[in-house]
Amino acid sequence: MGAYLMVYHKDDTHSLHMAISYDGHTFTAVNNNEPVIAGDTIAMQRGIRDPHIFRGPDGAFYLAMTDLHIYAKQAGFRQTEWERDGNKFGWGNNLGLVLMKSKDLINWTRANIRVDQLDPSLADIGCAWAPETCFDPVKKKLMVHFTMRHGKEKTKLYYFYINDDFNKPEGKPEVLFTYPKEGKEAIDGNMVYKDGTFHLFYCSHDGKTGVKQATSKSITGPWTFDDRLCDPEKIGCEAPSVYKLIGQDKWILMYDVYRANPMNFGFSETTDLETFKPLGRFDEGVMKRTNFDGQKHGAVTWLTKKEAKRLEEYWKKNQRDFPGKIKL
């Protein structure tokens, strides 16, 4: 491996964007920061959020996204602010996930998963957000975990196993993690495996919204809670995502500093997944963007240099604009 692929969405497109790096620090968007997959072509709500990219043991790429458009009314896709009554189902209510699989990052298969239809007990869910894919080394199966709540109750992290084609969940979602403090909640889980321990990073809604982690010897818990914040931010951040630097015993913790104006990603470096050295936000230090801004809720995976060059060349030859941008 010799390159990195970042995926993210933007609020004005609600679509999938990609950026490439060859050192894990400086990223350049392909397609001139225009979407590589338009959300209105793949999602029931005509928009996606929270994209996550995972490279499986088979070498394939697994893309998981929230089926949600928070500006669908402004975009003319619906008459109401939310898909369902916000008083009953809450902010950003949705029912689905978008799951896609590819061998080359250009040609994709797709499954639209209605989480509320996976079991009768899920008919009243208020949201299914921020799905991520990981691999269970014991069961040798792909797992999808995500944020879910019933109605307007507190959110928890849930999971289900899924078939190799990435289009059929196996069984109903089970609870992965519940925030242990009464009246508080967790969203946006991100799983990292190191030296026999699973590290579950997540966003806690407990005082300042920020990144915490829990650890376990099993991918489904039980979890040991750590109340320390992993991020250095004084304002709210969410969407933690950890990636390892190629050939180094270093990891980068990335998070979405959504309270910043303008919004930006923040970064910290770690060698043990326990102590974190702040690297600042994009364009403040070693972490840089060359041609994009406005990025939201990102994730990073590894590529070979050949794969990265091929993807860059494809989008140079097939550059296209997105006509449906929303004025925010």
C-alpha atoms as a PDB file:
ATOM      1  CA  MET A   1       0.000   0.000   0.000  1.00  0.00           C
ATOM      2  CA  GLY A   2       1.198   3.474  -0.814  1.00  0.00           C
ATOM      3  CA  ALA A   3      -1.736   5.902  -0.771  1.00  0.00           C
ATOM      4  CA  TYR A   4      -4.843   6.930   1.130  1.00  0.00           C
ATOM      5  CA  LEU A   5      -8.452   7.514   0.069  1.00  0.00           C
ATOM      6  CA  MET A   6     -10.676   9.885   2.013  1.00  0.00           C
ATOM      7  CA  VAL A   7     -14.442   9.943   1.553  1.00  0.00           C
ATOM      8  CA  TYR A   8     -16.714  12.701   2.838  1.00  0.00           C
ATOM      9  CA  HIS A   9     -19.969  14.474   2.080  1.00  0.00           C
ATOM     10  CA  LYS A  10     -20.771  18.158   1.741  1.00  0.00           C
ATOM     11  CA  ASP A  11     -23.931  19.842   2.954  1.00  0.00           C
ATOM     12  CA  ASP A  12     -24.511  21.663  -0.337  1.00  0.00           C
ATOM     13  CA  THR A  13     -24.467  18.420  -2.361  1.00  0.00           C
ATOM     14  CA  HIS A  14     -25.453  15.632   0.066  1.00  0.00           C
ATOM     15  CA  SER A  15     -23.326  13.398  -2.159  1.00  0.00           C
ATOM     16  CA  LEU A  16     -20.134  11.338  -2.029  1.00  0.00           C
ATOM     17  CA  HIS A  17     -16.775  13.072  -2.480  1.00  0.00           C
ATOM     18  CA  MET A  18     -13.286  11.537  -2.601  1.00  0.00           C
ATOM     19  CA  ALA A  19      -9.767  12.827  -1.976  1.00  0.00           C
ATOM     20  CA  ILE A  20      -6.372  11.131  -2.332  1.00  0.00           C
ATOM     21  CA  SER A  21      -3.146  11.436  -0.349  1.00  0.00           C
ATOM     22  CA  TYR A  22       0.259   9.832  -0.765  1.00  0.00           C
ATOM     23  CA  ASP A  23       1.550  10.635   2.726  1.00  0.00           C
ATOM     24  CA  GLY A  24      -1.586  10.525   4.902  1.00  0.00           C
ATOM     25  CA  HIS A  25      -1.369  14.258   5.583  1.00  0.00           C
ATOM     26  CA  THR A  26      -2.012  16.211   2.367  1.00  0.00           C
ATOM     27  CA  PHE A  27      -5.236  15.374   0.515  1.00  0.00           C
ATOM     28  CA  THR A  28      -6.410  16.391  -2.962  1.00  0.00           C
ATOM     29  CA  ALA A  29     -10.024  15.927  -4.053  1.00  0.00           C
ATOM     30  CA  VAL A  30     -10.718  14.092  -7.294  1.00  0.00           C
ATOM     31  CA  ASN A  31     -13.238  15.488  -9.785  1.00  0.00           C
ATOM     32  CA  ASN A  32     -12.295  18.998  -8.605  1.00  0.00           C
ATOM     33  CA  ASN A  33     -14.245  18.464  -5.354  1.00  0.00           C
ATOM     34  CA  GLU A  34     -17.448  17.726  -7.256  1.00  0.00           C
ATOM     35  CA  PRO A  35     -19.343  14.570  -6.201  1.00  0.00           C
ATOM     36  CA  VAL A  36     -18.166  11.234  -7.551  1.00  0.00           C
ATOM     37  CA  ILE A  37     -21.563   9.693  -6.742  1.00  0.00           C
ATOM     38  CA  ALA A  38     -24.615  11.961  -6.618  1.00  0.00           C
ATOM     39  CA  GLY A  39     -26.779  11.402  -3.564  1.00  0.00           C
ATOM     40  CA  ASP A  40     -29.995  12.029  -5.463  1.00  0.00           C
ATOM     41  CA  THR A  41     -29.257   8.977  -7.640  1.00  0.00           C
ATOM     42  CA  ILE A  42     -28.745   6.431  -4.838  1.00  0.00           C
ATOM     43  CA  ALA A  43     -30.769   7.393  -1.755  1.00  0.00           C
ATOM     44  CA  MET A  44     -34.461   7.227  -0.903  1.00  0.00           C
ATOM     45  CA  GLN A  45     -34.260  10.732   0.602  1.00  0.00           C
ATOM     46  CA  ARG A  46     -32.296  11.901  -2.467  1.00  0.00           C
ATOM     47  CA  GLY A  47     -29.196  12.622  -0.403  1.00  0.00           C
ATOM     48  CA  ILE A  48     -26.519  10.880   1.648  1.00  0.00           C
ATOM     49  CA  ARG A  49     -24.460  11.791   4.702  1.00  0.00           C
ATOM     50  CA  ASP A  50     -21.717  10.237   6.833  1.00  0.00           C
ATOM     51  CA  PRO A  51     -19.910   8.107   4.219  1.00  0.00           C
ATOM     52  CA  HIS A  52     -17.501   5.433   5.457  1.00  0.00           C
ATOM     53  CA  ILE A  53     -15.077   3.402   3.330  1.00  0.00           C
ATOM     54  CA  PHE A  54     -13.671   0.026   4.421  1.00  0.00           C
ATOM     55  CA  ARG A  55     -11.281  -2.241   2.576  1.00  0.00           C
ATOM     56  CA  GLY A  56     -12.214  -5.840   3.292  1.00  0.00           C
ATOM     57  CA  PRO A  57      -9.924  -8.855   3.608  1.00  0.00           C
ATOM     58  CA  ASP A  58     -10.970  -9.714   0.043  1.00  0.00           C
ATOM     59  CA  GLY A  59      -9.530  -6.410  -1.215  1.00  0.00           C
ATOM     60  CA  ALA A  60     -12.956  -5.031  -2.130  1.00  0.00           C
ATOM     61  CA  PHE A  61     -14.150  -1.606  -1.009  1.00  0.00           C
ATOM     62  CA  TYR A  62     -17.257  -1.350   1.161  1.00  0.00           C
ATOM     63  CA  LEU A  63     -19.015   2.008   1.246  1.00  0.00           C
ATOM     64  CA  ALA A  64     -21.705   2.695   3.861  1.00  0.00           C
ATOM     65  CA  MET A  65     -23.745   5.916   4.057  1.00  0.00           C
ATOM     66  CA  THR A  66     -26.704   7.433   5.871  1.00  0.00           C
ATOM     67  CA  ASP A  67     -29.790   7.781   3.665  1.00  0.00           C
ATOM     68  CA  LEU A  68     -30.714  11.289   4.802  1.00  0.00           C
ATOM     69  CA  HIS A  69     -31.084  14.730   3.246  1.00  0.00           C
ATOM     70  CA  ILE A  70     -31.408  17.405   5.921  1.00  0.00           C
ATOM     71  CA  TYR A  71     -32.131  20.085   3.282  1.00  0.00           C
ATOM     72  CA  ALA A  72     -34.500  18.051   1.117  1.00  0.00           C
ATOM     73  CA  LYS A  73     -37.258  20.650   1.482  1.00  0.00           C
ATOM     74  CA  GLN A  74     -34.978  23.434   0.227  1.00  0.00           C
ATOM     75  CA  ALA A  75     -33.859  21.171  -2.611  1.00  0.00           C
ATOM     76  CA  GLY A  76     -37.466  20.541  -3.649  1.00  0.00           C
ATOM     77  CA  PHE A  77     -37.424  16.824  -2.842  1.00  0.00           C
ATOM     78  CA  ARG A  78     -40.217  16.963  -0.238  1.00  0.00           C
ATOM     79  CA  GLN A  79     -42.785  19.356   1.181  1.00  0.00           C
ATOM     80  CA  THR A  80     -41.872  18.927   4.845  1.00  0.00           C
ATOM     81  CA  GLU A  81     -38.683  19.582   6.804  1.00  0.00           C
ATOM     82  CA  TRP A  82     -38.291  15.906   7.700  1.00  0.00           C
ATOM     83  CA  GLU A  83     -39.397  12.620   6.206  1.00  0.00           C
ATOM     84  CA  ARG A  84     -41.683  12.043   9.202  1.00  0.00           C
ATOM     85  CA  ASP A  85     -43.083  14.158  12.037  1.00  0.00           C
ATOM     86  CA  GLY A  86     -40.153  15.752  13.844  1.00  0.00           C
ATOM     87  CA  ASN A  87     -42.157  16.009  17.069  1.00  0.00           C
ATOM     88  CA  LYS A  88     -42.457  12.220  17.125  1.00  0.00           C
ATOM     89  CA  PHE A  89     -39.251  11.033  15.467  1.00  0.00           C
ATOM     90  CA  GLY A  90     -36.830  13.911  16.072  1.00  0.00           C
ATOM     91  CA  TRP A  91     -34.209  15.879  14.157  1.00  0.00           C
ATOM     92  CA  GLY A  92     -32.834  14.268  11.025  1.00  0.00           C
ATOM     93  CA  ASN A  93     -35.170  11.314  11.170  1.00  0.00           C
ATOM     94  CA  ASN A  94     -34.619   8.647   8.551  1.00  0.00           C
ATOM     95  CA  LEU A  95     -35.145   4.941   7.939  1.00  0.00           C
ATOM     96  CA  GLY A  96     -32.390   3.727   5.670  1.00  0.00           C
ATOM     97  CA  LEU A  97     -28.763   3.031   4.910  1.00  0.00           C
ATOM     98  CA  VAL A  98     -27.036   2.978   1.522  1.00  0.00           C
ATOM     99  CA  LEU A  99     -24.497   0.154   1.133  1.00  0.00           C
ATOM    100  CA  MET A 100     -22.225  -0.146  -1.904  1.00  0.00           C
ATOM    101  CA  LYS A 101     -19.409  -2.487  -2.937  1.00  0.00           C
ATOM    102  CA  SER A 102     -16.685  -2.097  -5.542  1.00  0.00           C
ATOM    103  CA  LYS A 103     -13.439  -3.667  -6.669  1.00  0.00           C
ATOM    104  CA  ASP A 104     -12.146  -0.560  -8.452  1.00  0.00           C
ATOM    105  CA  LEU A 105     -13.862   2.451  -6.770  1.00  0.00           C
ATOM    106  CA  ILE A 106     -15.566   3.272 -10.070  1.00  0.00           C
ATOM    107  CA  ASN A 107     -18.100   0.507 -10.694  1.00  0.00           C
ATOM    108  CA  TRP A 108     -20.385  -0.166  -7.745  1.00  0.00           C
ATOM    109  CA  THR A 109     -23.203  -2.449  -6.680  1.00  0.00           C
ATOM    110  CA  ARG A 110     -25.783  -0.930  -4.345  1.00  0.00           C
ATOM    111  CA  ALA A 111     -28.294  -1.984  -1.702  1.00  0.00           C
ATOM    112  CA  ASN A 112     -30.781   0.351  -0.036  1.00  0.00           C
ATOM    113  CA  ILE A 113     -31.467  -1.064   3.416  1.00  0.00           C
ATOM    114  CA  ARG A 114     -34.685  -0.122   5.221  1.00  0.00           C
ATOM    115  CA  VAL A 115     -33.639  -0.649   8.825  1.00  0.00           C
ATOM    116  CA  ASP A 116     -37.211  -0.283  10.076  1.00  0.00           C
ATOM    117  CA  GLN A 117     -38.162  -3.338   7.997  1.00  0.00           C
ATOM    118  CA  LEU A 118     -35.491  -5.663   9.408  1.00  0.00           C
ATOM    119  CA  ASP A 119     -37.725  -6.581  12.358  1.00  0.00           C
ATOM    120  CA  PRO A 120     -41.235  -5.593  13.560  1.00  0.00           C
ATOM    121  CA  SER A 121     -39.708  -4.120  16.725  1.00  0.00           C
ATOM    122  CA  LEU A 122     -37.965  -1.474  14.607  1.00  0.00           C
ATOM    123  CA  ALA A 123     -41.071   0.108  13.085  1.00  0.00           C
ATOM    124  CA  ASP A 124     -40.749   3.163  15.341  1.00  0.00           C
ATOM    125  CA  ILE A 125     -37.060   3.949  14.859  1.00  0.00           C
ATOM    126  CA  GLY A 126     -36.213   7.629  14.756  1.00  0.00           C
ATOM    127  CA  CYS A 127     -32.909   7.364  12.951  1.00  0.00           C
ATOM    128  CA  ALA A 128     -30.297   5.076  11.393  1.00  0.00           C
ATOM    129  CA  TRP A 129     -27.142   7.166  11.075  1.00  0.00           C
ATOM    130  CA  ALA A 130     -23.412   6.923  10.397  1.00  0.00           C
ATOM    131  CA  PRO A 131     -23.027   3.285   9.309  1.00  0.00           C
ATOM    132  CA  GLU A 132     -19.538   1.803   9.256  1.00  0.00           C
ATOM    133  CA  THR A 133     -18.235  -1.564   8.114  1.00  0.00           C
ATOM    134  CA  CYS A 134     -15.688  -3.697   9.926  1.00  0.00           C
ATOM    135  CA  PHE A 135     -14.616  -7.352   9.912  1.00  0.00           C
ATOM    136  CA  ASP A 136     -15.180  -9.810  12.742  1.00  0.00           C
ATOM    137  CA  PRO A 137     -11.987 -11.911  12.875  1.00  0.00           C
ATOM    138  CA  VAL A 138     -13.701 -14.640  14.911  1.00  0.00           C
ATOM    139  CA  LYS A 139     -16.836 -15.101  12.816  1.00  0.00           C
ATOM    140  CA  LYS A 140     -14.953 -14.191   9.617  1.00  0.00           C
ATOM    141  CA  LYS A 141     -17.863 -11.984   8.611  1.00  0.00           C
ATOM    142  CA  LEU A 142     -18.513  -8.379   7.688  1.00  0.00           C
ATOM    143  CA  MET A 143     -20.313  -6.310  10.310  1.00  0.00           C
ATOM    144  CA  VAL A 144     -22.144  -3.008   9.883  1.00  0.00           C
ATOM    145  CA  HIS A 145     -22.587  -0.845  12.978  1.00  0.00           C
ATOM    146  CA  PHE A 146     -24.521   2.406  13.142  1.00  0.00           C
ATOM    147  CA  THR A 147     -26.352   4.878  15.371  1.00  0.00           C
ATOM    148  CA  MET A 148     -30.030   4.243  16.048  1.00  0.00           C
ATOM    149  CA  ARG A 149     -32.795   5.403  18.330  1.00  0.00           C
ATOM    150  CA  HIS A 150     -36.439   4.513  18.834  1.00  0.00           C
ATOM    151  CA  GLY A 151     -38.659   7.553  18.361  1.00  0.00           C
ATOM    152  CA  LYS A 152     -36.974  10.431  20.202  1.00  0.00           C
ATOM    153  CA  GLU A 153     -35.249   8.267  22.791  1.00  0.00           C
ATOM    154  CA  LYS A 154     -31.501   8.428  23.412  1.00  0.00           C
ATOM    155  CA  THR A 155     -29.311   7.013  20.656  1.00  0.00           C
ATOM    156  CA  LYS A 156     -27.284   3.826  21.008  1.00  0.00           C
ATOM    157  CA  LEU A 157     -24.859   2.027  18.712  1.00  0.00           C
ATOM    158  CA  TYR A 158     -26.233  -1.100  17.008  1.00  0.00           C
ATOM    159  CA  TYR A 159     -24.810  -3.709  14.645  1.00  0.00           C
ATOM    160  CA  PHE A 160     -25.763  -6.479  12.263  1.00  0.00           C
ATOM    161  CA  TYR A 161     -23.740  -8.976  10.260  1.00  0.00           C
ATOM    162  CA  ILE A 162     -24.128  -8.928   6.492  1.00  0.00           C
ATOM    163  CA  ASN A 163     -23.501 -11.268   3.557  1.00  0.00           C
ATOM    164  CA  ASP A 164     -20.390 -11.073   1.389  1.00  0.00           C
ATOM    165  CA  ASP A 165     -22.323  -9.365  -1.422  1.00  0.00           C
ATOM    166  CA  PHE A 166     -23.039  -6.543   1.028  1.00  0.00           C
ATOM    167  CA  ASN A 167     -26.723  -6.432   0.240  1.00  0.00           C
ATOM    168  CA  LYS A 168     -28.520  -8.535   2.852  1.00  0.00           C
ATOM    169  CA  PRO A 169     -28.302  -8.074   6.639  1.00  0.00           C
ATOM    170  CA  GLU A 170     -28.265 -11.302   8.616  1.00  0.00           C
ATOM    171  CA  GLY A 171     -30.624 -10.972  11.570  1.00  0.00           C
ATOM    172  CA  LYS A 172     -32.033  -7.923  13.350  1.00  0.00           C
ATOM    173  CA  PRO A 173     -29.750  -5.195  14.688  1.00  0.00           C
ATOM    174  CA  GLU A 174     -28.409  -5.813  18.190  1.00  0.00           C
ATOM    175  CA  VAL A 175     -27.108  -3.272  20.692  1.00  0.00           C
ATOM    176  CA  LEU A 176     -23.358  -2.740  20.348  1.00  0.00           C
ATOM    177  CA  PHE A 177     -22.803   0.029  22.893  1.00  0.00           C
ATOM    178  CA  THR A 178     -24.928   2.094  25.284  1.00  0.00           C
ATOM    179  CA  TYR A 179     -23.476   5.222  26.837  1.00  0.00           C
ATOM    180  CA  PRO A 180     -23.288   4.396  30.552  1.00  0.00           C
ATOM    181  CA  LYS A 181     -24.384   7.754  31.987  1.00  0.00           C
ATOM    182  CA  GLU A 182     -28.084   8.288  32.602  1.00  0.00           C
ATOM    183  CA  GLY A 183     -29.698  10.730  30.211  1.00  0.00           C
ATOM    184  CA  LYS A 184     -26.651  10.954  27.913  1.00  0.00           C
ATOM    185  CA  GLU A 185     -26.002   9.283  24.576  1.00  0.00           C
ATOM    186  CA  ALA A 186     -23.442   8.165  22.007  1.00  0.00           C
ATOM    187  CA  ILE A 187     -23.387   8.471  18.212  1.00  0.00           C
ATOM    188  CA  ASP A 188     -20.915   7.899  15.360  1.00  0.00           C
ATOM    189  CA  GLY A 189     -19.028   4.719  16.255  1.00  0.00           C
ATOM    190  CA  ASN A 190     -15.649   3.868  14.685  1.00  0.00           C
ATOM    191  CA  MET A 191     -13.902   0.537  15.324  1.00  0.00           C
ATOM    192  CA  VAL A 192     -10.125  -0.041  15.413  1.00  0.00           C
ATOM    193  CA  TYR A 193      -8.375  -3.331  16.232  1.00  0.00           C
ATOM    194  CA  LYS A 194      -4.878  -3.313  17.756  1.00  0.00           C
ATOM    195  CA  ASP A 195      -2.938  -6.047  19.577  1.00  0.00           C
ATOM    196  CA  GLY A 196      -5.963  -8.120  20.551  1.00  0.00           C
ATOM    197  CA  THR A 197      -8.108  -5.174  21.649  1.00  0.00           C
ATOM    198  CA  PHE A 198     -11.021  -3.506  19.882  1.00  0.00           C
ATOM    199  CA  HIS A 199     -11.133   0.261  20.331  1.00  0.00           C
ATOM    200  CA  LEU A 200     -14.592   1.750  19.795  1.00  0.00           C
ATOM    201  CA  PHE A 201     -14.303   5.486  19.239  1.00  0.00           C
ATOM    202  CA  TYR A 202     -17.546   7.455  19.294  1.00  0.00           C
ATOM    203  CA  CYS A 203     -19.034  10.890  19.848  1.00  0.00           C
ATOM    204  CA  SER A 204     -20.448  11.433  23.339  1.00  0.00           C
ATOM    205  CA  HIS A 205     -23.259  13.892  24.004  1.00  0.00           C
ATOM    206  CA  ASP A 206     -22.154  14.526  27.575  1.00  0.00           C
ATOM    207  CA  GLY A 207     -21.157  18.103  28.319  1.00  0.00           C
ATOM    208  CA  LYS A 208     -18.987  19.225  25.405  1.00  0.00           C
ATOM    209  CA  THR A 209     -19.775  17.018  22.439  1.00  0.00           C
ATOM    210  CA  GLY A 210     -16.538  15.191  21.731  1.00  0.00           C
ATOM    211  CA  VAL A 211     -14.684  11.955  21.041  1.00  0.00           C
ATOM    212  CA  LYS A 212     -14.360   9.193  23.629  1.00  0.00           C
ATOM    213  CA  GLN A 213     -13.546   5.513  23.387  1.00  0.00           C
ATOM    214  CA  ALA A 214     -14.367   2.163  24.948  1.00  0.00           C
ATOM    215  CA  THR A 215     -12.325  -1.039  24.682  1.00  0.00           C
ATOM    216  CA  SER A 216     -13.060  -4.758  24.583  1.00  0.00           C
ATOM    217  CA  LYS A 217     -11.449  -8.083  23.725  1.00  0.00           C
ATOM    218  CA  SER A 218     -14.581  -8.901  21.702  1.00  0.00           C
ATOM    219  CA  ILE A 219     -15.912  -6.943  18.743  1.00  0.00           C
ATOM    220  CA  THR A 220     -19.399  -6.881  20.284  1.00  0.00           C
ATOM    221  CA  GLY A 221     -18.321  -6.099  23.863  1.00  0.00           C
ATOM    222  CA  PRO A 222     -18.703  -5.951  26.816  1.00  0.00           C
ATOM    223  CA  TRP A 223     -16.933  -2.603  26.758  1.00  0.00           C
ATOM    224  CA  THR A 224     -14.673  -0.867  29.258  1.00  0.00           C
ATOM    225  CA  PHE A 225     -15.711   2.781  29.402  1.00  0.00           C
ATOM    226  CA  ASP A 226     -13.088   5.546  29.370  1.00  0.00           C
ATOM    227  CA  ASP A 227     -14.505   8.939  30.307  1.00  0.00           C
ATOM    228  CA  ARG A 228     -11.556  10.941  28.938  1.00  0.00           C
ATOM    229  CA  LEU A 229     -11.969  13.007  25.783  1.00  0.00           C
ATOM    230  CA  CYS A 230      -9.603  12.009  22.980  1.00  0.00           C
ATOM    231  CA  ASP A 231      -9.908  15.288  21.094  1.00  0.00           C
ATOM    232  CA  PRO A 232      -8.407  18.643  22.190  1.00  0.00           C
ATOM    233  CA  GLU A 233     -11.237  20.803  20.852  1.00  0.00           C
ATOM    234  CA  LYS A 234     -12.935  23.381  23.061  1.00  0.00           C
ATOM    235  CA  ILE A 235     -16.035  23.277  20.845  1.00  0.00           C
ATOM    236  CA  GLY A 236     -18.211  20.422  19.635  1.00  0.00           C
ATOM    237  CA  CYS A 237     -16.836  17.740  17.342  1.00  0.00           C
ATOM    238  CA  GLU A 238     -18.163  14.392  16.127  1.00  0.00           C
ATOM    239  CA  ALA A 239     -17.612  11.649  13.533  1.00  0.00           C
ATOM    240  CA  PRO A 240     -14.335  10.148  14.810  1.00  0.00           C
ATOM    241  CA  SER A 241     -12.424   8.080  12.260  1.00  0.00           C
ATOM    242  CA  VAL A 242      -9.014   6.489  12.838  1.00  0.00           C
ATOM    243  CA  TYR A 243      -6.555   5.418  10.143  1.00  0.00           C
ATOM    244  CA  LYS A 244      -3.058   3.984  10.425  1.00  0.00           C
ATOM    245  CA  LEU A 245      -0.121   5.567   8.655  1.00  0.00           C
ATOM    246  CA  ILE A 246       1.346   3.086   6.181  1.00  0.00           C
ATOM    247  CA  GLY A 247       4.534   1.462   7.419  1.00  0.00           C
ATOM    248  CA  GLN A 248       4.458   3.304  10.754  1.00  0.00           C
ATOM    249  CA  ASP A 249       3.239   2.555  14.262  1.00  0.00           C
ATOM    250  CA  LYS A 250       1.190   5.736  14.198  1.00  0.00           C
ATOM    251  CA  TRP A 251      -2.519   6.351  13.811  1.00  0.00           C
ATOM    252  CA  ILE A 252      -4.394   9.536  12.935  1.00  0.00           C
ATOM    253  CA  LEU A 253      -7.651  10.294  14.735  1.00  0.00           C
ATOM    254  CA  MET A 254      -9.793  12.518  12.508  1.00  0.00           C
ATOM    255  CA  TYR A 255     -12.973  14.255  13.659  1.00  0.00           C
ATOM    256  CA  ASP A 256     -15.494  16.723  12.280  1.00  0.00           C
ATOM    257  CA  VAL A 257     -15.331  20.040  14.169  1.00  0.00           C
ATOM    258  CA  TYR A 258     -18.887  20.921  13.241  1.00  0.00           C
ATOM    259  CA  ARG A 259     -19.072  23.869  15.649  1.00  0.00           C
ATOM    260  CA  ALA A 260     -16.209  25.654  13.891  1.00  0.00           C
ATOM    261  CA  ASN A 261     -17.030  28.453  11.456  1.00  0.00           C
ATOM    262  CA  PRO A 262     -16.240  27.488   8.793  1.00  0.00           C
ATOM    263  CA  MET A 263     -16.589  23.797   9.654  1.00  0.00           C
ATOM    264  CA  ASN A 264     -13.381  21.794   9.406  1.00  0.00           C
ATOM    265  CA  PHE A 265     -11.757  18.491  10.299  1.00  0.00           C
ATOM    266  CA  GLY A 266      -9.455  18.202  13.293  1.00  0.00           C
ATOM    267  CA  PHE A 267      -6.687  15.643  13.771  1.00  0.00           C
ATOM    268  CA  SER A 268      -4.659  14.004  16.532  1.00  0.00           C
ATOM    269  CA  GLU A 269      -1.804  11.502  16.302  1.00  0.00           C
ATOM    270  CA  THR A 270      -1.310   8.458  18.524  1.00  0.00           C
ATOM    271  CA  THR A 271       1.092   5.533  18.833  1.00  0.00           C
ATOM    272  CA  ASP A 272      -0.953   3.555  21.372  1.00  0.00           C
ATOM    273  CA  LEU A 273      -4.604   4.606  20.774  1.00  0.00           C
ATOM    274  CA  GLU A 274      -4.612   5.889  24.357  1.00  0.00           C
ATOM    275  CA  THR A 275      -2.672   9.161  24.331  1.00  0.00           C
ATOM    276  CA  PHE A 276      -3.178  11.714  21.571  1.00  0.00           C
ATOM    277  CA  LYS A 277      -0.995  14.517  20.212  1.00  0.00           C
ATOM    278  CA  PRO A 278      -3.053  17.323  18.614  1.00  0.00           C
ATOM    279  CA  LEU A 279      -2.167  18.089  14.991  1.00  0.00           C
ATOM    280  CA  GLY A 280      -4.627  20.959  14.575  1.00  0.00           C
ATOM    281  CA  ARG A 281      -7.244  21.277  11.877  1.00  0.00           C
ATOM    282  CA  PHE A 282      -6.858  21.158   8.111  1.00  0.00           C
ATOM    283  CA  ASP A 283      -4.507  23.917   6.896  1.00  0.00           C
ATOM    284  CA  GLU A 284      -3.227  24.809  10.381  1.00  0.00           C
ATOM    285  CA  GLY A 285      -0.229  22.461  10.464  1.00  0.00           C
ATOM    286  CA  VAL A 286       0.856  19.181   8.912  1.00  0.00           C
ATOM    287  CA  MET A 287      -2.683  18.279   7.754  1.00  0.00           C
ATOM    288  CA  LYS A 288      -3.535  20.005   4.477  1.00  0.00           C
ATOM    289  CA  ARG A 289      -6.197  20.252   1.747  1.00  0.00           C
ATOM    290  CA  THR A 290      -5.078  21.352  -1.687  1.00  0.00           C
ATOM    291  CA  ASN A 291      -8.373  21.996  -3.471  1.00  0.00           C
ATOM    292  CA  PHE A 292     -11.435  21.491  -1.293  1.00  0.00           C
ATOM    293  CA  ASP A 293     -13.360  22.765   1.709  1.00  0.00           C
ATOM    294  CA  GLY A 294     -16.755  22.244   3.316  1.00  0.00           C
ATOM    295  CA  GLN A 295     -16.043  18.563   3.922  1.00  0.00           C
ATOM    296  CA  LYS A 296     -18.185  16.711   6.482  1.00  0.00           C
ATOM    297  CA  HIS A 297     -17.961  13.371   8.335  1.00  0.00           C
ATOM    298  CA  GLY A 298     -14.992  11.699   6.652  1.00  0.00           C
ATOM    299  CA  ALA A 299     -13.228   8.347   6.662  1.00  0.00           C
ATOM    300  CA  VAL A 300      -9.927   7.085   5.239  1.00  0.00           C
ATOM    301  CA  THR A 301      -8.687   3.752   3.894  1.00  0.00           C
ATOM    302  CA  TRP A 302      -5.518   2.548   2.174  1.00  0.00           C
ATOM    303  CA  LEU A 303      -4.878   2.241  -1.562  1.00  0.00           C
ATOM    304  CA  THR A 304      -1.950   1.061  -3.616  1.00  0.00           C
ATOM    305  CA  LYS A 305      -0.196   3.807  -5.570  1.00  0.00           C
ATOM    306  CA  LYS A 306      -1.427   2.171  -8.764  1.00  0.00           C
ATOM    307  CA  GLU A 307      -5.040   2.297  -7.563  1.00  0.00           C
ATOM    308  CA  ALA A 308      -4.673   5.935  -6.539  1.00  0.00           C
ATOM    309  CA  LYS A 309      -3.164   6.945  -9.894  1.00  0.00           C
ATOM    310  CA  ARG A 310      -5.867   5.057 -11.771  1.00  0.00           C
ATOM    311  CA  LEU A 311      -8.602   6.819  -9.796  1.00  0.00           C
ATOM    312  CA  GLU A 312      -7.011  10.209 -10.390  1.00  0.00           C
ATOM    313  CA  GLU A 313      -6.703   9.553 -14.114  1.00  0.00           C
ATOM    314  CA  TYR A 314     -10.286   8.327 -14.364  1.00  0.00           C
ATOM    315  CA  TRP A 315     -11.653  11.541 -12.867  1.00  0.00           C
ATOM    316  CA  LYS A 316      -9.395  13.740 -14.978  1.00  0.00           C
ATOM    317  CA  LYS A 317     -10.897  12.111 -18.072  1.00  0.00           C
ATOM    318  CA  ASN A 318     -14.453  11.935 -16.748  1.00  0.00           C
ATOM    319  CA  GLN A 319     -14.796  15.142 -14.759  1.00  0.00           C
ATOM    320  CA  ARG A 320     -18.377  16.186 -14.207  1.00  0.00           C
ATOM    321  CA  ASP A 321     -20.185  18.900 -12.302  1.00  0.00           C
ATOM    322  CA  PHE A 322     -23.076  18.534  -9.881  1.00  0.00           C
ATOM    323  CA  PRO A 323     -25.910  20.860 -10.922  1.00  0.00           C
ATOM    324  CA  GLY A 324     -28.045  20.452  -7.804  1.00  0.00           C
ATOM    325  CA  LYS A 325     -26.026  22.385  -5.205  1.00  0.00           C
ATOM    326  CA  ILE A 326     -28.062  23.978  -2.426  1.00  0.00           C
ATOM    327  CA  LYS A 327     -27.441  27.576  -1.393  1.00  0.00           C
ATOM    328  CA  LEU A 328     -27.000  27.399   2.381  1.00  0.00           C
END
